[in-house]
């Protein structure tokens, strides 16, 4: 699912408001100072996205990488 679809019913929000909401959710779900530190550059790319397309792409890359990081962690534990 793209972020555009996630926010389809919230058309009153600006792009910047939607981006800030997504950044806050991701920041609270990941540990960019610890286990997920290697993904910080992907997170920053998402934070700096200038438009919906770039935000969707950065979010997808980050979500995929977070998922892979979690799988690797669970297999090593």
N, C-alpha and C. Protein backbone atom coordinates (compact mmCIF):
# COMPACT_ATOMS: atom_id res chain seq x y z
N UNK A 1 0.85 -1.18 0.00
CA UNK A 1 0.00 0.00 0.00
C UNK A 1 0.89 1.24 0.00
N UNK A 2 0.54 2.19 -0.84
CA UNK A 2 1.29 3.44 -0.87
C UNK A 2 0.76 4.38 0.19
N UNK A 3 1.58 5.34 0.55
CA UNK A 3 1.16 6.32 1.53
C UNK A 3 0.02 7.17 0.99
N UNK A 4 0.02 7.41 -0.30
CA UNK A 4 -1.06 8.18 -0.92
C UNK A 4 -2.40 7.50 -0.65
N UNK A 5 -2.45 6.17 -0.78
CA UNK A 5 -3.68 5.44 -0.51
C UNK A 5 -4.02 5.46 0.97
N UNK A 6 -3.00 5.40 1.82
CA UNK A 6 -3.24 5.42 3.27
C UNK A 6 -3.92 6.72 3.69
N UNK A 7 -3.58 7.80 3.02
CA UNK A 7 -4.10 9.11 3.39
C UNK A 7 -5.23 9.59 2.46
N UNK A 8 -5.80 8.69 1.68
CA UNK A 8 -6.81 9.07 0.70
C UNK A 8 -8.00 9.80 1.31
N UNK A 9 -8.37 9.42 2.53
CA UNK A 9 -9.54 10.05 3.16
C UNK A 9 -9.18 11.30 3.95
N UNK A 10 -7.93 11.73 3.87
CA UNK A 10 -7.47 12.89 4.62
C UNK A 10 -6.97 13.98 3.68
N UNK A 11 -7.74 14.28 2.69
CA UNK A 11 -7.33 15.24 1.68
C UNK A 11 -7.11 16.64 2.24
N UNK A 12 -7.66 16.93 3.41
CA UNK A 12 -7.50 18.26 3.99
C UNK A 12 -6.08 18.49 4.49
N UNK A 13 -5.35 17.41 4.74
CA UNK A 13 -3.98 17.55 5.20
C UNK A 13 -3.06 17.93 4.04
N UNK A 14 -2.09 18.76 4.34
CA UNK A 14 -1.09 19.11 3.33
C UNK A 14 -0.09 17.96 3.23
N UNK A 15 0.70 17.97 2.18
CA UNK A 15 1.75 16.97 2.02
C UNK A 15 2.68 17.00 3.24
N UNK A 16 3.05 18.18 3.67
CA UNK A 16 3.96 18.31 4.80
C UNK A 16 3.37 17.72 6.08
N UNK A 17 2.07 17.88 6.29
CA UNK A 17 1.41 17.29 7.46
C UNK A 17 1.41 15.76 7.38
N UNK A 18 1.11 15.24 6.20
CA UNK A 18 1.13 13.79 6.03
C UNK A 18 2.54 13.24 6.22
N UNK A 19 3.52 13.92 5.64
CA UNK A 19 4.92 13.47 5.79
C UNK A 19 5.31 13.50 7.27
N UNK A 20 4.96 14.53 8.00
CA UNK A 20 5.29 14.63 9.43
C UNK A 20 4.64 13.49 10.22
N UNK A 21 3.41 13.13 9.87
CA UNK A 21 2.72 12.04 10.55
C UNK A 21 3.43 10.71 10.30
N UNK A 22 3.80 10.47 9.06
CA UNK A 22 4.50 9.23 8.71
C UNK A 22 5.86 9.18 9.41
N UNK A 23 6.58 10.28 9.40
CA UNK A 23 7.89 10.33 10.06
C UNK A 23 7.75 10.02 11.54
N UNK A 24 6.75 10.58 12.19
CA UNK A 24 6.53 10.33 13.62
C UNK A 24 6.23 8.86 13.88
N UNK A 25 5.41 8.26 13.04
CA UNK A 25 5.06 6.84 13.21
C UNK A 25 6.30 5.97 13.04
N UNK A 26 7.06 6.21 11.98
CA UNK A 26 8.25 5.41 11.71
C UNK A 26 9.29 5.62 12.81
N UNK A 27 9.48 6.86 13.23
CA UNK A 27 10.46 7.15 14.28
C UNK A 27 10.12 6.39 15.56
N UNK A 28 8.83 6.28 15.88
CA UNK A 28 8.44 5.59 17.11
C UNK A 28 8.53 4.07 16.98
N UNK A 29 8.54 3.57 15.74
CA UNK A 29 8.56 2.12 15.52
C UNK A 29 9.96 1.56 15.29
N UNK A 30 10.93 2.42 15.07
CA UNK A 30 12.28 1.95 14.76
C UNK A 30 13.28 2.53 15.75
N UNK A 31 14.44 1.92 15.80
CA UNK A 31 15.51 2.36 16.70
C UNK A 31 16.71 2.80 15.86
N UNK A 32 16.66 4.04 15.37
CA UNK A 32 17.71 4.53 14.49
C UNK A 32 18.99 4.89 15.23
N UNK A 33 18.96 4.83 16.55
CA UNK A 33 20.18 5.03 17.35
C UNK A 33 20.79 3.68 17.72
N UNK A 34 20.06 2.60 17.50
CA UNK A 34 20.52 1.27 17.90
C UNK A 34 20.45 0.28 16.77
N UNK A 35 19.57 -0.70 16.91
CA UNK A 35 19.49 -1.83 15.97
C UNK A 35 19.26 -1.40 14.53
N UNK A 36 18.54 -0.33 14.32
CA UNK A 36 18.21 0.10 12.96
C UNK A 36 19.10 1.25 12.47
N UNK A 37 20.20 1.49 13.17
CA UNK A 37 21.07 2.62 12.83
C UNK A 37 21.50 2.62 11.37
N UNK A 38 21.77 1.46 10.82
CA UNK A 38 22.20 1.35 9.43
C UNK A 38 21.16 1.81 8.43
N UNK A 39 19.93 1.95 8.88
CA UNK A 39 18.84 2.39 8.00
C UNK A 39 18.55 3.88 8.14
N UNK A 40 19.36 4.56 8.92
CA UNK A 40 19.13 5.98 9.19
C UNK A 40 19.10 6.81 7.90
N UNK A 41 19.97 6.50 6.96
CA UNK A 41 19.99 7.28 5.71
C UNK A 41 18.68 7.13 4.94
N UNK A 42 18.09 5.94 4.99
CA UNK A 42 16.78 5.74 4.34
C UNK A 42 15.70 6.55 5.05
N UNK A 43 15.78 6.58 6.38
CA UNK A 43 14.83 7.36 7.16
C UNK A 43 14.96 8.85 6.82
N UNK A 44 16.20 9.33 6.75
CA UNK A 44 16.41 10.74 6.44
C UNK A 44 15.92 11.08 5.03
N UNK A 45 16.07 10.16 4.09
CA UNK A 45 15.56 10.40 2.74
C UNK A 45 14.04 10.55 2.77
N UNK A 46 13.40 9.75 3.61
CA UNK A 46 11.95 9.86 3.74
C UNK A 46 11.58 11.21 4.38
N UNK A 47 12.32 11.62 5.38
CA UNK A 47 12.06 12.89 6.06
C UNK A 47 12.21 14.09 5.12
N UNK A 48 13.10 13.96 4.14
CA UNK A 48 13.41 15.06 3.24
C UNK A 48 12.66 15.02 1.93
N UNK A 49 11.77 14.05 1.75
CA UNK A 49 11.00 13.93 0.50
C UNK A 49 10.26 15.23 0.21
N UNK A 50 10.31 15.64 -1.06
CA UNK A 50 9.68 16.90 -1.47
C UNK A 50 8.28 16.73 -2.06
N UNK A 51 7.90 15.48 -2.34
CA UNK A 51 6.59 15.26 -2.96
C UNK A 51 6.10 13.85 -2.62
N UNK A 52 4.85 13.58 -2.96
CA UNK A 52 4.21 12.30 -2.64
C UNK A 52 4.96 11.10 -3.23
N UNK A 53 5.38 11.23 -4.48
CA UNK A 53 6.07 10.12 -5.15
C UNK A 53 7.37 9.78 -4.43
N UNK A 54 8.17 10.79 -4.12
CA UNK A 54 9.43 10.56 -3.42
C UNK A 54 9.19 9.99 -2.03
N UNK A 55 8.15 10.46 -1.36
CA UNK A 55 7.83 9.95 -0.03
C UNK A 55 7.41 8.49 -0.11
N UNK A 56 6.56 8.15 -1.06
CA UNK A 56 6.14 6.76 -1.25
C UNK A 56 7.34 5.85 -1.50
N UNK A 57 8.23 6.28 -2.39
CA UNK A 57 9.39 5.46 -2.73
C UNK A 57 10.33 5.30 -1.53
N UNK A 58 10.59 6.38 -0.82
CA UNK A 58 11.47 6.32 0.35
C UNK A 58 10.85 5.46 1.45
N UNK A 59 9.55 5.59 1.65
CA UNK A 59 8.86 4.79 2.66
C UNK A 59 8.93 3.30 2.30
N UNK A 60 8.70 2.99 1.04
CA UNK A 60 8.75 1.59 0.60
C UNK A 60 10.14 0.99 0.81
N UNK A 61 11.18 1.74 0.46
CA UNK A 61 12.55 1.25 0.67
C UNK A 61 12.82 1.03 2.15
N UNK A 62 12.40 1.98 2.97
CA UNK A 62 12.63 1.88 4.41
C UNK A 62 11.83 0.73 5.02
N UNK A 63 10.58 0.61 4.63
CA UNK A 63 9.74 -0.47 5.18
C UNK A 63 10.31 -1.84 4.81
N UNK A 64 10.76 -2.00 3.58
CA UNK A 64 11.36 -3.27 3.16
C UNK A 64 12.63 -3.56 3.95
N UNK A 65 13.45 -2.56 4.14
CA UNK A 65 14.70 -2.74 4.87
C UNK A 65 14.45 -3.03 6.34
N UNK A 66 13.47 -2.35 6.93
CA UNK A 66 13.12 -2.63 8.33
C UNK A 66 12.63 -4.06 8.49
N UNK A 67 11.84 -4.51 7.54
CA UNK A 67 11.33 -5.86 7.58
C UNK A 67 12.48 -6.87 7.50
N UNK A 68 13.41 -6.62 6.61
CA UNK A 68 14.56 -7.51 6.46
C UNK A 68 15.43 -7.48 7.71
N UNK A 69 15.63 -6.30 8.28
CA UNK A 69 16.40 -6.17 9.52
C UNK A 69 15.77 -7.00 10.64
N UNK A 70 14.46 -6.94 10.74
CA UNK A 70 13.74 -7.69 11.77
C UNK A 70 13.91 -9.19 11.56
N UNK A 71 13.77 -9.65 10.30
CA UNK A 71 13.95 -11.08 10.00
C UNK A 71 15.36 -11.55 10.38
N UNK A 72 16.35 -10.75 10.03
CA UNK A 72 17.74 -11.11 10.35
C UNK A 72 17.93 -11.18 11.86
N UNK A 73 17.37 -10.23 12.58
CA UNK A 73 17.50 -10.21 14.03
C UNK A 73 16.85 -11.44 14.65
N UNK A 74 15.67 -11.77 14.17
CA UNK A 74 14.95 -12.92 14.74
C UNK A 74 15.68 -14.23 14.44
N UNK A 75 16.29 -14.35 13.29
CA UNK A 75 17.03 -15.56 12.96
C UNK A 75 18.33 -15.69 13.73
N UNK A 76 18.91 -14.55 14.13
CA UNK A 76 20.17 -14.60 14.86
C UNK A 76 19.95 -14.79 16.36
N UNK A 77 18.74 -14.58 16.83
CA UNK A 77 18.46 -14.68 18.27
C UNK A 77 18.20 -16.11 18.71
